[in-house]
PDB file of N, CA and C in Angstrom:
ATOM      1  N   MET A   1     -95.417 195.615 136.252  1.00  0.00           N
ATOM      2  CA  MET A   1     -95.615 194.437 135.434  1.00  0.00           C
ATOM      3  C   MET A   1     -95.277 193.209 136.291  1.00  0.00           C
ATOM      4  N   ARG A   2     -96.183 192.289 136.353  1.00  0.00           N
ATOM      5  CA  ARG A   2     -95.986 191.082 137.151  1.00  0.00           C
ATOM      6  C   ARG A   2     -95.456 189.958 136.262  1.00  0.00           C
ATOM      7  N   LEU A   3     -94.417 189.298 136.751  1.00  0.00           N
ATOM      8  CA  LEU A   3     -93.827 188.190 136.009  1.00  0.00           C
ATOM      9  C   LEU A   3     -94.281 186.864 136.605  1.00  0.00           C
ATOM     10  N   HIS A   4     -94.428 185.872 135.735  1.00  0.00           N
ATOM     11  CA  HIS A   4     -94.819 184.529 136.143  1.00  0.00           C
ATOM     12  C   HIS A   4     -93.899 183.530 135.455  1.00  0.00           C
ATOM     13  N   ILE A   5     -93.906 182.310 135.956  1.00  0.00           N
ATOM     14  CA  ILE A   5     -93.161 181.249 135.279  1.00  0.00           C
ATOM     15  C   ILE A   5     -94.090 180.634 134.226  1.00  0.00           C
ATOM     16  N   TYR A   6     -93.577 180.576 132.998  1.00  0.00           N
ATOM     17  CA  TYR A   6     -94.336 180.017 131.884  1.00  0.00           C
ATOM     18  C   TYR A   6     -93.673 178.748 131.370  1.00  0.00           C
ATOM     19  N   GLU A   7     -94.473 177.933 130.726  1.00  0.00           N
ATOM     20  CA  GLU A   7     -94.003 176.738 130.024  1.00  0.00           C
ATOM     21  C   GLU A   7     -94.358 176.905 128.550  1.00  0.00           C
ATOM     22  N   VAL A   8     -93.391 176.602 127.696  1.00  0.00           N
ATOM     23  CA  VAL A   8     -93.628 176.640 126.255  1.00  0.00           C
ATOM     24  C   VAL A   8     -93.381 175.226 125.735  1.00  0.00           C
ATOM     25  N   ASP A   9     -94.408 174.611 125.180  1.00  0.00           N
ATOM     26  CA  ASP A   9     -94.330 173.256 124.639  1.00  0.00           C
ATOM     27  C   ASP A   9     -94.283 173.342 123.115  1.00  0.00           C
ATOM     28  N   VAL A  10     -93.187 172.816 122.549  1.00  0.00           N
ATOM     29  CA  VAL A  10     -92.994 172.885 121.104  1.00  0.00           C
ATOM     30  C   VAL A  10     -92.956 171.465 120.534  1.00  0.00           C
ATOM     31  N   PRO A  11     -93.935 171.091 119.708  1.00  0.00           N
ATOM     32  CA  PRO A  11     -93.878 169.772 119.069  1.00  0.00           C
ATOM     33  C   PRO A  11     -92.624 169.662 118.199  1.00  0.00           C
ATOM     34  N   ILE A  12     -92.045 168.473 118.150  1.00  0.00           N
ATOM     35  CA  ILE A  12     -90.860 168.216 117.325  1.00  0.00           C
ATOM     36  C   ILE A  12     -91.048 166.907 116.591  1.00  0.00           C
ATOM     37  N   HIS A  13     -90.324 166.750 115.481  1.00  0.00           N
ATOM     38  CA  HIS A  13     -90.339 165.464 114.772  1.00  0.00           C
ATOM     39  C   HIS A  13     -88.953 165.186 114.203  1.00  0.00           C
ATOM     40  N   ASP A  14     -88.652 163.922 114.043  1.00  0.00           N
ATOM     41  CA  ASP A  14     -87.388 163.464 113.477  1.00  0.00           C
ATOM     42  C   ASP A  14     -87.451 163.679 111.970  1.00  0.00           C
ATOM     43  N   THR A  15     -86.484 164.395 111.420  1.00  0.00           N
ATOM     44  CA  THR A  15     -86.528 164.699 109.989  1.00  0.00           C
ATOM     45  C   THR A  15     -86.287 163.466 109.122  1.00  0.00           C
ATOM     46  N   THR A  16     -85.663 162.415 109.675  1.00  0.00           N
ATOM     47  CA  THR A  16     -85.440 161.191 108.898  1.00  0.00           C
ATOM     48  C   THR A  16     -86.583 160.207 109.046  1.00  0.00           C
ATOM     49  N   ASP A  17     -87.416 160.389 110.071  1.00  0.00           N
ATOM     50  CA  ASP A  17     -88.565 159.516 110.316  1.00  0.00           C
ATOM     51  C   ASP A  17     -89.673 160.356 110.943  1.00  0.00           C
ATOM     52  N   PRO A  18     -90.475 161.039 110.111  1.00  0.00           N
ATOM     53  CA  PRO A  18     -91.492 161.961 110.632  1.00  0.00           C
ATOM     54  C   PRO A  18     -92.516 161.326 111.577  1.00  0.00           C
ATOM     55  N   ASP A  19     -92.597 159.995 111.602  1.00  0.00           N
ATOM     56  CA  ASP A  19     -93.505 159.348 112.555  1.00  0.00           C
ATOM     57  C   ASP A  19     -92.969 159.408 113.982  1.00  0.00           C
ATOM     58  N   ARG A  20     -91.667 159.655 114.123  1.00  0.00           N
ATOM     59  CA  ARG A  20     -91.083 159.831 115.458  1.00  0.00           C
ATOM     60  C   ARG A  20     -91.309 161.276 115.869  1.00  0.00           C
ATOM     61  N   ARG A  21     -92.136 161.440 116.883  1.00  0.00           N
ATOM     62  CA  ARG A  21     -92.537 162.779 117.310  1.00  0.00           C
ATOM     63  C   ARG A  21     -92.254 162.942 118.793  1.00  0.00           C
ATOM     64  N   GLY A  22     -92.186 164.166 119.226  1.00  0.00           N
ATOM     65  CA  GLY A  22     -91.965 164.451 120.629  1.00  0.00           C
ATOM     66  C   GLY A  22     -92.361 165.873 120.971  1.00  0.00           C
ATOM     67  N   LEU A  23     -91.883 166.304 122.119  1.00  0.00           N
ATOM     68  CA  LEU A  23     -92.215 167.637 122.605  1.00  0.00           C
ATOM     69  C   LEU A  23     -90.973 168.200 123.287  1.00  0.00           C
ATOM     70  N   HIS A  24     -90.591 169.406 122.920  1.00  0.00           N
ATOM     71  CA  HIS A  24     -89.489 170.094 123.592  1.00  0.00           C
ATOM     72  C   HIS A  24     -90.143 171.122 124.516  1.00  0.00           C
ATOM     73  N   VAL A  25     -89.780 171.091 125.793  1.00  0.00           N
ATOM     74  CA  VAL A  25     -90.401 171.959 126.789  1.00  0.00           C
ATOM     75  C   VAL A  25     -89.383 172.980 127.290  1.00  0.00           C
ATOM     76  N   PHE A  26     -89.786 174.225 127.285  1.00  0.00           N
ATOM     77  CA  PHE A  26     -88.996 175.327 127.820  1.00  0.00           C
ATOM     78  C   PHE A  26     -89.757 175.914 129.000  1.00  0.00           C
ATOM     79  N   THR A  27     -89.055 176.387 130.012  1.00  0.00           N
ATOM     80  CA  THR A  27     -89.697 177.107 131.115  1.00  0.00           C
ATOM     81  C   THR A  27     -88.858 178.326 131.458  1.00  0.00           C
ATOM     82  N   GLY A  28     -89.532 179.369 131.936  1.00  0.00           N
ATOM     83  CA  GLY A  28     -88.826 180.568 132.353  1.00  0.00           C
ATOM     84  C   GLY A  28     -89.794 181.660 132.740  1.00  0.00           C
ATOM     85  N   VAL A  29     -89.235 182.747 133.191  1.00  0.00           N
ATOM     86  CA  VAL A  29     -90.014 183.885 133.672  1.00  0.00           C
ATOM     87  C   VAL A  29     -90.346 184.809 132.496  1.00  0.00           C
ATOM     88  N   ALA A  30     -91.601 185.236 132.454  1.00  0.00           N
ATOM     89  CA  ALA A  30     -92.046 186.152 131.403  1.00  0.00           C
ATOM     90  C   ALA A  30     -93.265 186.929 131.893  1.00  0.00           C
ATOM     91  N   ALA A  31     -93.605 187.968 131.159  1.00  0.00           N
ATOM     92  CA  ALA A  31     -94.753 188.802 131.505  1.00  0.00           C
ATOM     93  C   ALA A  31     -96.038 188.329 130.850  1.00  0.00           C
ATOM     94  N   SER A  32     -95.926 187.488 129.804  1.00  0.00           N
ATOM     95  CA  SER A  32     -97.125 187.040 129.083  1.00  0.00           C
ATOM     96  C   SER A  32     -96.800 185.761 128.312  1.00  0.00           C
ATOM     97  N   PRO A  33     -97.820 185.045 127.866  1.00  0.00           N
ATOM     98  CA  PRO A  33     -97.572 183.864 127.041  1.00  0.00           C
ATOM     99  C   PRO A  33     -96.799 184.208 125.765  1.00  0.00           C
ATOM    100  N   ALA A  34     -97.109 185.354 125.147  1.00  0.00           N
ATOM    101  CA  ALA A  34     -96.416 185.746 123.917  1.00  0.00           C
ATOM    102  C   ALA A  34     -94.938 186.033 124.192  1.00  0.00           C
ATOM    103  N   ALA A  35     -94.646 186.699 125.315  1.00  0.00           N
ATOM    104  CA  ALA A  35     -93.250 186.977 125.671  1.00  0.00           C
ATOM    105  C   ALA A  35     -92.512 185.676 125.965  1.00  0.00           C
ATOM    106  N   ALA A  36     -93.179 184.725 126.594  1.00  0.00           N
ATOM    107  CA  ALA A  36     -92.560 183.425 126.886  1.00  0.00           C
ATOM    108  C   ALA A  36     -92.227 182.690 125.593  1.00  0.00           C
ATOM    109  N   LEU A  37     -93.141 182.684 124.657  1.00  0.00           N
ATOM    110  CA  LEU A  37     -92.908 182.025 123.370  1.00  0.00           C
ATOM    111  C   LEU A  37     -91.735 182.672 122.636  1.00  0.00           C
ATOM    112  N   ARG A  38     -91.699 183.990 122.625  1.00  0.00           N
ATOM    113  CA  ARG A  38     -90.601 184.706 121.975  1.00  0.00           C
ATOM    114  C   ARG A  38     -89.265 184.360 122.627  1.00  0.00           C
ATOM    115  N   ARG A  39     -89.243 184.339 123.957  1.00  0.00           N
ATOM    116  CA  ARG A  39     -87.997 184.067 124.673  1.00  0.00           C
ATOM    117  C   ARG A  39     -87.541 182.623 124.457  1.00  0.00           C
ATOM    118  N   ALA A  40     -88.468 181.681 124.456  1.00  0.00           N
ATOM    119  CA  ALA A  40     -88.118 180.279 124.195  1.00  0.00           C
ATOM    120  C   ALA A  40     -87.497 180.139 122.811  1.00  0.00           C
ATOM    121  N   HIS A  41     -88.076 180.800 121.839  1.00  0.00           N
ATOM    122  CA  HIS A  41     -87.552 180.741 120.469  1.00  0.00           C
ATOM    123  C   HIS A  41     -86.150 181.346 120.414  1.00  0.00           C
ATOM    124  N   GLU A  42     -85.938 182.453 121.112  1.00  0.00           N
ATOM    125  CA  GLU A  42     -84.628 183.099 121.123  1.00  0.00           C
ATOM    126  C   GLU A  42     -83.548 182.202 121.727  1.00  0.00           C
ATOM    127  N   VAL A  43     -83.851 181.585 122.877  1.00  0.00           N
ATOM    128  CA  VAL A  43     -82.816 180.751 123.504  1.00  0.00           C
ATOM    129  C   VAL A  43     -82.555 179.496 122.682  1.00  0.00           C
ATOM    130  N   TYR A  44     -83.588 178.974 122.023  1.00  0.00           N
ATOM    131  CA  TYR A  44     -83.373 177.817 121.155  1.00  0.00           C
ATOM    132  C   TYR A  44     -82.480 178.203 119.976  1.00  0.00           C
ATOM    133  N   ASP A  45     -82.787 179.328 119.346  1.00  0.00           N
ATOM    134  CA  ASP A  45     -81.980 179.776 118.202  1.00  0.00           C
ATOM    135  C   ASP A  45     -80.520 179.981 118.614  1.00  0.00           C
ATOM    136  N   ALA A  46     -80.284 180.565 119.787  1.00  0.00           N
ATOM    137  CA  ALA A  46     -78.920 180.789 120.269  1.00  0.00           C
ATOM    138  C   ALA A  46     -78.218 179.455 120.544  1.00  0.00           C
ATOM    139  N   ALA A  47     -78.925 178.509 121.137  1.00  0.00           N
ATOM    140  CA  ALA A  47     -78.338 177.198 121.417  1.00  0.00           C
ATOM    141  C   ALA A  47     -78.012 176.459 120.128  1.00  0.00           C
ATOM    142  N   LEU A  48     -78.907 176.514 119.160  1.00  0.00           N
ATOM    143  CA  LEU A  48     -78.673 175.840 117.883  1.00  0.00           C
ATOM    144  C   LEU A  48     -77.496 176.475 117.143  1.00  0.00           C
ATOM    145  N   ALA A  49     -77.398 177.802 117.165  1.00  0.00           N
ATOM    146  CA  ALA A  49     -76.285 178.487 116.504  1.00  0.00           C
ATOM    147  C   ALA A  49     -74.952 178.098 117.152  1.00  0.00           C
ATOM    148  N   ALA A  50     -74.919 178.033 118.477  1.00  0.00           N
ATOM    149  CA  ALA A  50     -73.691 177.637 119.172  1.00  0.00           C
ATOM    150  C   ALA A  50     -73.321 176.205 118.826  1.00  0.00           C
ATOM    151  N   HIS A  51     -74.291 175.318 118.858  1.00  0.00           N
ATOM    152  CA  HIS A  51     -74.045 173.904 118.536  1.00  0.00           C
ATOM    153  C   HIS A  51     -73.530 173.757 117.108  1.00  0.00           C
ATOM    154  N   THR A  52     -74.165 174.449 116.173  1.00  0.00           N
ATOM    155  CA  THR A  52     -73.762 174.391 114.758  1.00  0.00           C
ATOM    156  C   THR A  52     -72.336 174.901 114.565  1.00  0.00           C
ATOM    157  N   ALA A  53     -71.951 175.899 115.352  1.00  0.00           N
ATOM    158  CA  ALA A  53     -70.606 176.470 115.261  1.00  0.00           C
ATOM    159  C   ALA A  53     -69.566 175.662 116.043  1.00  0.00           C
ATOM    160  N   GLY A  54     -70.011 174.574 116.682  1.00  0.00           N
ATOM    161  CA  GLY A  54     -69.088 173.746 117.457  1.00  0.00           C
ATOM    162  C   GLY A  54     -68.756 174.328 118.819  1.00  0.00           C
ATOM    163  N   LEU A  55     -69.571 175.263 119.281  1.00  0.00           N
ATOM    164  CA  LEU A  55     -69.361 175.892 120.581  1.00  0.00           C
ATOM    165  C   LEU A  55     -70.252 175.246 121.631  1.00  0.00           C
ATOM    166  N   GLU A  56     -69.927 175.506 122.879  1.00  0.00           N
ATOM    167  CA  GLU A  56     -70.753 174.995 123.975  1.00  0.00           C
ATOM    168  C   GLU A  56     -72.115 175.688 123.951  1.00  0.00           C
ATOM    169  N   VAL A  57     -73.152 174.921 124.167  1.00  0.00           N
ATOM    170  CA  VAL A  57     -74.505 175.478 124.202  1.00  0.00           C
ATOM    171  C   VAL A  57     -74.621 176.361 125.439  1.00  0.00           C
ATOM    172  N   PRO A  58     -75.115 177.587 125.282  1.00  0.00           N
ATOM    173  CA  PRO A  58     -75.250 178.476 126.449  1.00  0.00           C
ATOM    174  C   PRO A  58     -76.159 177.838 127.503  1.00  0.00           C
ATOM    175  N   GLY A  59     -75.823 178.061 128.744  1.00  0.00           N
ATOM    176  CA  GLY A  59     -76.653 177.546 129.841  1.00  0.00           C
ATOM    177  C   GLY A  59     -77.835 178.454 130.099  1.00  0.00           C
ATOM    178  N   LYS A  60     -78.407 178.267 131.261  1.00  0.00           N
ATOM    179  CA  LYS A  60     -79.553 179.079 131.653  1.00  0.00           C
ATOM    180  C   LYS A  60     -79.140 180.548 131.716  1.00  0.00           C
ATOM    181  N   GLN A  61     -79.949 181.401 131.157  1.00  0.00           N
ATOM    182  CA  GLN A  61     -79.687 182.835 131.098  1.00  0.00           C
ATOM    183  C   GLN A  61     -80.129 183.502 132.415  1.00  0.00           C
ATOM    184  N   PRO A  62     -79.679 184.723 132.682  1.00  0.00           N
ATOM    185  CA  PRO A  62     -80.063 185.405 133.924  1.00  0.00           C
ATOM    186  C   PRO A  62     -81.582 185.543 134.101  1.00  0.00           C
ATOM    187  N   ASP A  63     -82.324 185.554 133.000  1.00  0.00           N
ATOM    188  CA  ASP A  63     -83.786 185.669 133.110  1.00  0.00           C
ATOM    189  C   ASP A  63     -84.459 184.301 133.240  1.00  0.00           C
ATOM    190  N   SER A  64     -83.680 183.261 133.489  1.00  0.00           N
ATOM    191  CA  SER A  64     -84.130 181.890 133.769  1.00  0.00           C
ATOM    192  C   SER A  64     -84.404 181.038 132.537  1.00  0.00           C
ATOM    193  N   TRP A  65     -84.311 181.591 131.334  1.00  0.00           N
ATOM    194  CA  TRP A  65     -84.554 180.823 130.124  1.00  0.00           C
ATOM    195  C   TRP A  65     -83.263 180.164 129.652  1.00  0.00           C
ATOM    196  N   GLY A  66     -83.370 179.008 129.059  1.00  0.00           N
ATOM    197  CA  GLY A  66     -82.235 178.300 128.497  1.00  0.00           C
ATOM    198  C   GLY A  66     -82.733 177.166 127.630  1.00  0.00           C
ATOM    199  N   ALA A  67     -81.827 176.600 126.858  1.00  0.00           N
ATOM    200  CA  ALA A  67     -82.184 175.463 125.997  1.00  0.00           C
ATOM    201  C   ALA A  67     -81.134 174.386 126.209  1.00  0.00           C
ATOM    202  N   ARG A  68     -81.568 173.241 126.671  1.00  0.00           N
ATOM    203  CA  ARG A  68     -80.684 172.096 126.837  1.00  0.00           C
ATOM    204  C   ARG A  68     -81.315 170.934 126.081  1.00  0.00           C
ATOM    205  N   GLY A  69     -80.536 169.915 125.878  1.00  0.00           N
ATOM    206  CA  GLY A  69     -81.079 168.720 125.242  1.00  0.00           C
ATOM    207  C   GLY A  69     -81.411 168.909 123.778  1.00  0.00           C
ATOM    208  N   LEU A  70     -80.575 169.661 123.062  1.00  0.00           N
ATOM    209  CA  LEU A  70     -80.807 169.811 121.622  1.00  0.00           C
ATOM    210  C   LEU A  70     -80.808 168.436 120.965  1.00  0.00           C
ATOM    211  N   ARG A  71     -81.661 168.262 119.993  1.00  0.00           N
ATOM    212  CA  ARG A  71     -81.751 167.000 119.281  1.00  0.00           C
ATOM    213  C   ARG A  71     -81.452 167.243 117.815  1.00  0.00           C
ATOM    214  N   PRO A  72     -80.163 167.176 117.433  1.00  0.00           N
ATOM    215  CA  PRO A  72     -79.836 167.363 116.016  1.00  0.00           C
ATOM    216  C   PRO A  72     -80.635 166.385 115.158  1.00  0.00           C
ATOM    217  N   GLY A  73     -81.140 166.875 114.042  1.00  0.00           N
ATOM    218  CA  GLY A  73     -81.945 166.044 113.155  1.00  0.00           C
ATOM    219  C   GLY A  73     -83.429 166.086 113.473  1.00  0.00           C
ATOM    220  N   TRP A  74     -83.803 166.803 114.514  1.00  0.00           N
ATOM    221  CA  TRP A  74     -85.214 166.954 114.867  1.00  0.00           C
ATOM    222  C   TRP A  74     -85.643 168.373 114.522  1.00  0.00           C
ATOM    223  N   GLN A  75     -86.825 168.508 113.980  1.00  0.00           N
ATOM    224  CA  GLN A  75     -87.359 169.802 113.550  1.00  0.00           C
ATOM    225  C   GLN A  75     -88.351 170.335 114.575  1.00  0.00           C
ATOM    226  N   MET A  76     -88.133 171.564 114.995  1.00  0.00           N
ATOM    227  CA  MET A  76     -89.072 172.223 115.906  1.00  0.00           C
ATOM    228  C   MET A  76     -90.264 172.722 115.086  1.00  0.00           C
ATOM    229  N   GLU A  77     -91.451 172.548 115.601  1.00  0.00           N
ATOM    230  CA  GLU A  77     -92.680 172.990 114.935  1.00  0.00           C
ATOM    231  C   GLU A  77     -93.209 174.232 115.660  1.00  0.00           C
ATOM    232  N   TRP A  78     -92.495 175.345 115.508  1.00  0.00           N
ATOM    233  CA  TRP A  78     -92.824 176.574 116.230  1.00  0.00           C
ATOM    234  C   TRP A  78     -94.249 177.055 116.008  1.00  0.00           C
ATOM    235  N   PRO A  79     -94.825 176.956 114.791  1.00  0.00           N
ATOM    236  CA  PRO A  79     -96.210 177.439 114.633  1.00  0.00           C
ATOM    237  C   PRO A  79     -97.217 176.687 115.517  1.00  0.00           C
ATOM    238  N   ALA A  80     -96.883 175.477 115.928  1.00  0.00           N
ATOM    239  CA  ALA A  80     -97.789 174.686 116.766  1.00  0.00           C
ATOM    240  C   ALA A  80     -97.468 174.798 118.259  1.00  0.00           C
ATOM    241  N   ALA A  81     -96.493 175.648 118.626  1.00  0.00           N
ATOM    242  CA  ALA A  81     -96.087 175.791 120.025  1.00  0.00           C
ATOM    243  C   ALA A  81     -97.221 176.366 120.865  1.00  0.00           C
ATOM    244  N   LYS A  82     -97.273 175.916 122.107  1.00  0.00           N
ATOM    245  CA  LYS A  82     -98.273 176.406 123.069  1.00  0.00           C
ATOM    246  C   LYS A  82     -97.540 176.985 124.265  1.00  0.00           C
ATOM    247  N   SER A  83     -98.053 178.099 124.775  1.00  0.00           N
ATOM    248  CA  SER A  83     -97.450 178.757 125.918  1.00  0.00           C
ATOM    249  C   SER A  83     -98.511 179.024 126.968  1.00  0.00           C
ATOM    250  N   GLY A  84     -98.176 178.737 128.214  1.00  0.00           N
ATOM    251  CA  GLY A  84     -99.109 178.991 129.308  1.00  0.00           C
ATOM    252  C   GLY A  84     -98.384 178.982 130.634  1.00  0.00           C
ATOM    253  N   LEU A  85     -99.086 179.330 131.679  1.00  0.00           N
ATOM    254  CA  LEU A  85     -98.489 179.319 133.006  1.00  0.00           C
ATOM    255  C   LEU A  85     -98.008 177.920 133.353  1.00  0.00           C
ATOM    256  N   TRP A  86     -96.871 177.852 134.015  1.00  0.00           N
ATOM    257  CA  TRP A  86     -96.288 176.573 134.408  1.00  0.00           C
ATOM    258  C   TRP A  86     -96.882 176.145 135.734  1.00  0.00           C
ATOM    259  N   HIS A  87     -97.217 174.862 135.837  1.00  0.00           N
ATOM    260  CA  HIS A  87     -97.734 174.282 137.070  1.00  0.00           C
ATOM    261  C   HIS A  87     -96.809 173.153 137.488  1.00  0.00           C
ATOM    262  N   SER A  88     -96.229 173.269 138.657  1.00  0.00           N
ATOM    263  CA  SER A  88     -95.293 172.260 139.139  1.00  0.00           C
ATOM    264  C   SER A  88     -95.989 170.917 139.330  1.00  0.00           C
ATOM    265  N   PRO A  89     -95.413 169.853 138.778  1.00  0.00           N
ATOM    266  CA  PRO A  89     -96.020 168.530 138.957  1.00  0.00           C
ATOM    267  C   PRO A  89     -95.860 168.006 140.381  1.00  0.00           C
ATOM    268  N   VAL A  90     -95.027 168.633 141.189  1.00  0.00           N
ATOM    269  CA  VAL A  90     -94.839 168.185 142.570  1.00  0.00           C
ATOM    270  C   VAL A  90     -95.432 169.167 143.574  1.00  0.00           C
ATOM    271  N   SER A  91     -96.221 170.090 143.095  1.00  0.00           N
ATOM    272  CA  SER A  91     -96.845 171.071 143.973  1.00  0.00           C
ATOM    273  C   SER A  91     -97.873 170.399 144.877  1.00  0.00           C
ATOM    274  N   TRP A  92     -98.071 170.946 146.042  1.00  0.00           N
ATOM    275  CA  TRP A  92     -99.083 170.403 146.956  1.00  0.00           C
ATOM    276  C   TRP A  92    -100.489 170.591 146.405  1.00  0.00           C
ATOM    277  N   THR A  93    -100.648 171.440 145.384  1.00  0.00           N
ATOM    278  CA  THR A  93    -101.978 171.668 144.806  1.00  0.00           C
ATOM    279  C   THR A  93    -102.322 170.644 143.732  1.00  0.00           C
ATOM    280  N   THR A  94    -101.420 169.724 143.452  1.00  0.00           N
ATOM    281  CA  THR A  94    -101.711 168.709 142.445  1.00  0.00           C
ATOM    282  C   THR A  94    -101.774 167.329 143.097  1.00  0.00           C
ATOM    283  N   ARG A  95    -102.607 166.504 142.585  1.00  0.00           N
ATOM    284  CA  ARG A  95    -102.736 165.130 143.056  1.00  0.00           C
ATOM    285  C   ARG A  95    -102.817 164.242 141.827  1.00  0.00           C
ATOM    286  N   ASN A  96    -101.944 163.263 141.726  1.00  0.00           N
ATOM    287  CA  ASN A  96    -101.945 162.307 140.606  1.00  0.00           C
ATOM    288  C   ASN A  96    -101.913 162.996 139.246  1.00  0.00           C
ATOM    289  N   GLY A  97    -101.195 164.116 139.171  1.00  0.00           N
ATOM    290  CA  GLY A  97    -101.020 164.786 137.879  1.00  0.00           C
ATOM    291  C   GLY A  97    -102.154 165.721 137.499  1.00  0.00           C
ATOM    292  N   PHE A  98    -103.181 165.838 138.329  1.00  0.00           N
ATOM    293  CA  PHE A  98    -104.299 166.721 137.992  1.00  0.00           C
ATOM    294  C   PHE A  98    -104.281 167.928 138.914  1.00  0.00           C
ATOM    295  N   VAL A  99    -104.494 169.099 138.350  1.00  0.00           N
ATOM    296  CA  VAL A  99    -104.551 170.310 139.156  1.00  0.00           C
ATOM    297  C   VAL A  99    -105.885 170.355 139.856  1.00  0.00           C
ATOM    298  N   LEU A 100    -105.865 170.639 141.160  1.00  0.00           N
ATOM    299  CA  LEU A 100    -107.116 170.726 141.937  1.00  0.00           C
ATOM    300  C   LEU A 100    -107.807 172.047 141.724  1.00  0.00           C
TER     301      LEU A 100
END
């Protein structure tokens, strides 16, 4: 099984002002887009549970996944999440933000 680095983009919105929207980005190693999405959801849930309990948010896990930058009061829109291979914005194969 070959592993790749994936990016999972999850739309978010402020629960007090739904017009304030954003994107929470996760990256890590996975075997497929579905596995990446599952892993991103797991690390987010663990980080949120720790934060809610007043504990330190877990850092990056041994499999490279982690959740930082929690935004209390913002709702994750998991059904709208997108997962795909990650492309480094500083890679020599990119120019001005476009993949060649």
